[in-house]
Amino acid sequence: MGVSKQDMAHRKSNLKGKLEELERQALNDPLKRNRKLHEEIAELKRKMGQLG
């Protein structure tokens, strides 16, 4: 069963919100010492690219 356009919009909105929050935290870590944080940001960006 497929996903409705509305569900996709909600998912994308949730990803954007989480991504904004993580990017704010990443600004305090310019040397990328918190590897997990930066990997999670990359993963969210990849997921958003797949949603369209």
N, C-alpha and C. Protein backbone atom coordinates (compact mmCIF):
# COMPACT_ATOMS: atom_id res chain seq x y z
N MET A 1 0.84 -1.17 0.00
CA MET A 1 0.00 0.00 0.00
C MET A 1 0.89 1.24 0.00
N GLY A 2 0.55 2.22 -0.80
CA GLY A 2 1.36 3.42 -0.95
C GLY A 2 1.13 4.44 0.16
N VAL A 3 1.93 5.46 0.10
CA VAL A 3 1.85 6.54 1.08
C VAL A 3 1.19 7.74 0.41
N SER A 4 0.25 8.36 1.10
CA SER A 4 -0.45 9.50 0.52
C SER A 4 0.46 10.73 0.46
N LYS A 5 0.08 11.69 -0.36
CA LYS A 5 0.85 12.92 -0.49
C LYS A 5 0.89 13.66 0.84
N GLN A 6 -0.20 13.59 1.57
CA GLN A 6 -0.27 14.26 2.86
C GLN A 6 0.71 13.64 3.85
N ASP A 7 0.79 12.31 3.86
CA ASP A 7 1.73 11.63 4.75
C ASP A 7 3.16 11.99 4.38
N MET A 8 3.44 12.06 3.08
CA MET A 8 4.78 12.42 2.63
C MET A 8 5.12 13.85 3.06
N ALA A 9 4.15 14.74 2.99
CA ALA A 9 4.36 16.13 3.40
C ALA A 9 4.65 16.20 4.90
N HIS A 10 3.94 15.41 5.69
CA HIS A 10 4.17 15.39 7.14
C HIS A 10 5.57 14.86 7.45
N ARG A 11 5.97 13.79 6.77
CA ARG A 11 7.30 13.22 6.99
C ARG A 11 8.38 14.23 6.64
N LYS A 12 8.22 14.90 5.51
CA LYS A 12 9.21 15.87 5.07
C LYS A 12 9.29 17.03 6.06
N SER A 13 8.15 17.47 6.54
CA SER A 13 8.10 18.55 7.52
C SER A 13 8.82 18.15 8.81
N ASN A 14 8.58 16.93 9.26
CA ASN A 14 9.24 16.44 10.48
C ASN A 14 10.75 16.36 10.28
N LEU A 15 11.17 15.88 9.10
CA LEU A 15 12.60 15.79 8.81
C LEU A 15 13.24 17.17 8.77
N LYS A 16 12.54 18.14 8.18
CA LYS A 16 13.08 19.50 8.10
C LYS A 16 13.28 20.09 9.49
N GLY A 17 12.29 19.89 10.36
CA GLY A 17 12.39 20.41 11.73
C GLY A 17 13.56 19.81 12.48
N LYS A 18 13.70 18.50 12.36
CA LYS A 18 14.80 17.82 13.05
C LYS A 18 16.15 18.25 12.48
N LEU A 19 16.19 18.41 11.15
CA LEU A 19 17.42 18.83 10.49
C LEU A 19 17.84 20.23 10.93
N GLU A 20 16.89 21.14 11.04
CA GLU A 20 17.19 22.49 11.51
C GLU A 20 17.78 22.47 12.92
N GLU A 21 17.18 21.66 13.78
CA GLU A 21 17.65 21.55 15.16
C GLU A 21 19.08 21.00 15.21
N LEU A 22 19.35 19.97 14.43
CA LEU A 22 20.68 19.36 14.42
C LEU A 22 21.72 20.31 13.81
N GLU A 23 21.32 21.07 12.79
CA GLU A 23 22.26 22.01 12.18
C GLU A 23 22.63 23.13 13.15
N ARG A 24 21.69 23.54 14.00
CA ARG A 24 22.01 24.53 15.03
C ARG A 24 23.06 23.98 15.99
N GLN A 25 22.91 22.71 16.35
CA GLN A 25 23.88 22.08 17.24
C GLN A 25 25.23 21.94 16.53
N ALA A 26 25.19 21.68 15.23
CA ALA A 26 26.43 21.49 14.46
C ALA A 26 27.22 22.78 14.35
N LEU A 27 26.56 23.92 14.43
CA LEU A 27 27.27 25.20 14.38
C LEU A 27 28.22 25.34 15.57
N ASN A 28 27.88 24.70 16.67
CA ASN A 28 28.73 24.74 17.87
C ASN A 28 29.85 23.69 17.80
N ASP A 29 29.88 22.94 16.73
CA ASP A 29 30.87 21.87 16.56
C ASP A 29 31.53 21.99 15.18
N PRO A 30 32.24 23.10 14.92
CA PRO A 30 32.80 23.31 13.58
C PRO A 30 33.90 22.33 13.20
N LEU A 31 34.56 21.71 14.17
CA LEU A 31 35.63 20.77 13.86
C LEU A 31 35.13 19.35 13.67
N LYS A 32 33.82 19.18 13.73
CA LYS A 32 33.16 17.88 13.53
C LYS A 32 33.69 16.81 14.49
N ARG A 33 33.83 17.20 15.74
CA ARG A 33 34.28 16.24 16.75
C ARG A 33 33.15 15.29 17.14
N ASN A 34 31.92 15.78 17.06
CA ASN A 34 30.76 14.93 17.35
C ASN A 34 30.35 14.25 16.05
N ARG A 35 30.99 13.17 15.75
CA ARG A 35 30.80 12.47 14.47
C ARG A 35 29.36 11.98 14.29
N LYS A 36 28.75 11.51 15.37
CA LYS A 36 27.38 10.99 15.30
C LYS A 36 26.41 12.08 14.83
N LEU A 37 26.58 13.28 15.35
CA LEU A 37 25.72 14.40 14.98
C LEU A 37 25.81 14.68 13.48
N HIS A 38 27.01 14.74 12.97
CA HIS A 38 27.20 15.06 11.55
C HIS A 38 26.75 13.90 10.64
N GLU A 39 26.88 12.68 11.12
CA GLU A 39 26.39 11.53 10.34
C GLU A 39 24.87 11.55 10.28
N GLU A 40 24.24 11.92 11.39
CA GLU A 40 22.78 11.98 11.43
C GLU A 40 22.26 13.08 10.49
N ILE A 41 22.96 14.20 10.43
CA ILE A 41 22.58 15.28 9.52
C ILE A 41 22.67 14.78 8.07
N ALA A 42 23.74 14.09 7.73
CA ALA A 42 23.90 13.57 6.38
C ALA A 42 22.80 12.57 6.05
N GLU A 43 22.43 11.74 7.01
CA GLU A 43 21.37 10.74 6.80
C GLU A 43 20.02 11.43 6.57
N LEU A 44 19.73 12.46 7.35
CA LEU A 44 18.46 13.17 7.17
C LEU A 44 18.41 13.86 5.80
N LYS A 45 19.52 14.43 5.38
CA LYS A 45 19.55 15.08 4.07
C LYS A 45 19.33 14.04 2.96
N ARG A 46 19.89 12.86 3.13
CA ARG A 46 19.70 11.80 2.15
C ARG A 46 18.24 11.37 2.09
N LYS A 47 17.61 11.23 3.26
CA LYS A 47 16.19 10.84 3.31
C LYS A 47 15.30 11.90 2.67
N MET A 48 15.61 13.18 2.92
CA MET A 48 14.81 14.25 2.33
C MET A 48 14.95 14.24 0.81
N GLY A 49 16.13 13.92 0.32
CA GLY A 49 16.34 13.83 -1.12
C GLY A 49 15.51 12.73 -1.75
N GLN A 50 15.32 11.65 -1.02
CA GLN A 50 14.52 10.54 -1.54
C GLN A 50 13.03 10.88 -1.55
N LEU A 51 12.59 11.70 -0.59
CA LEU A 51 11.18 12.06 -0.55
C LEU A 51 10.82 13.04 -1.66
N GLY A 52 11.77 13.80 -2.11
CA GLY A 52 11.50 14.70 -3.23
C GLY A 52 11.44 16.08 -2.88
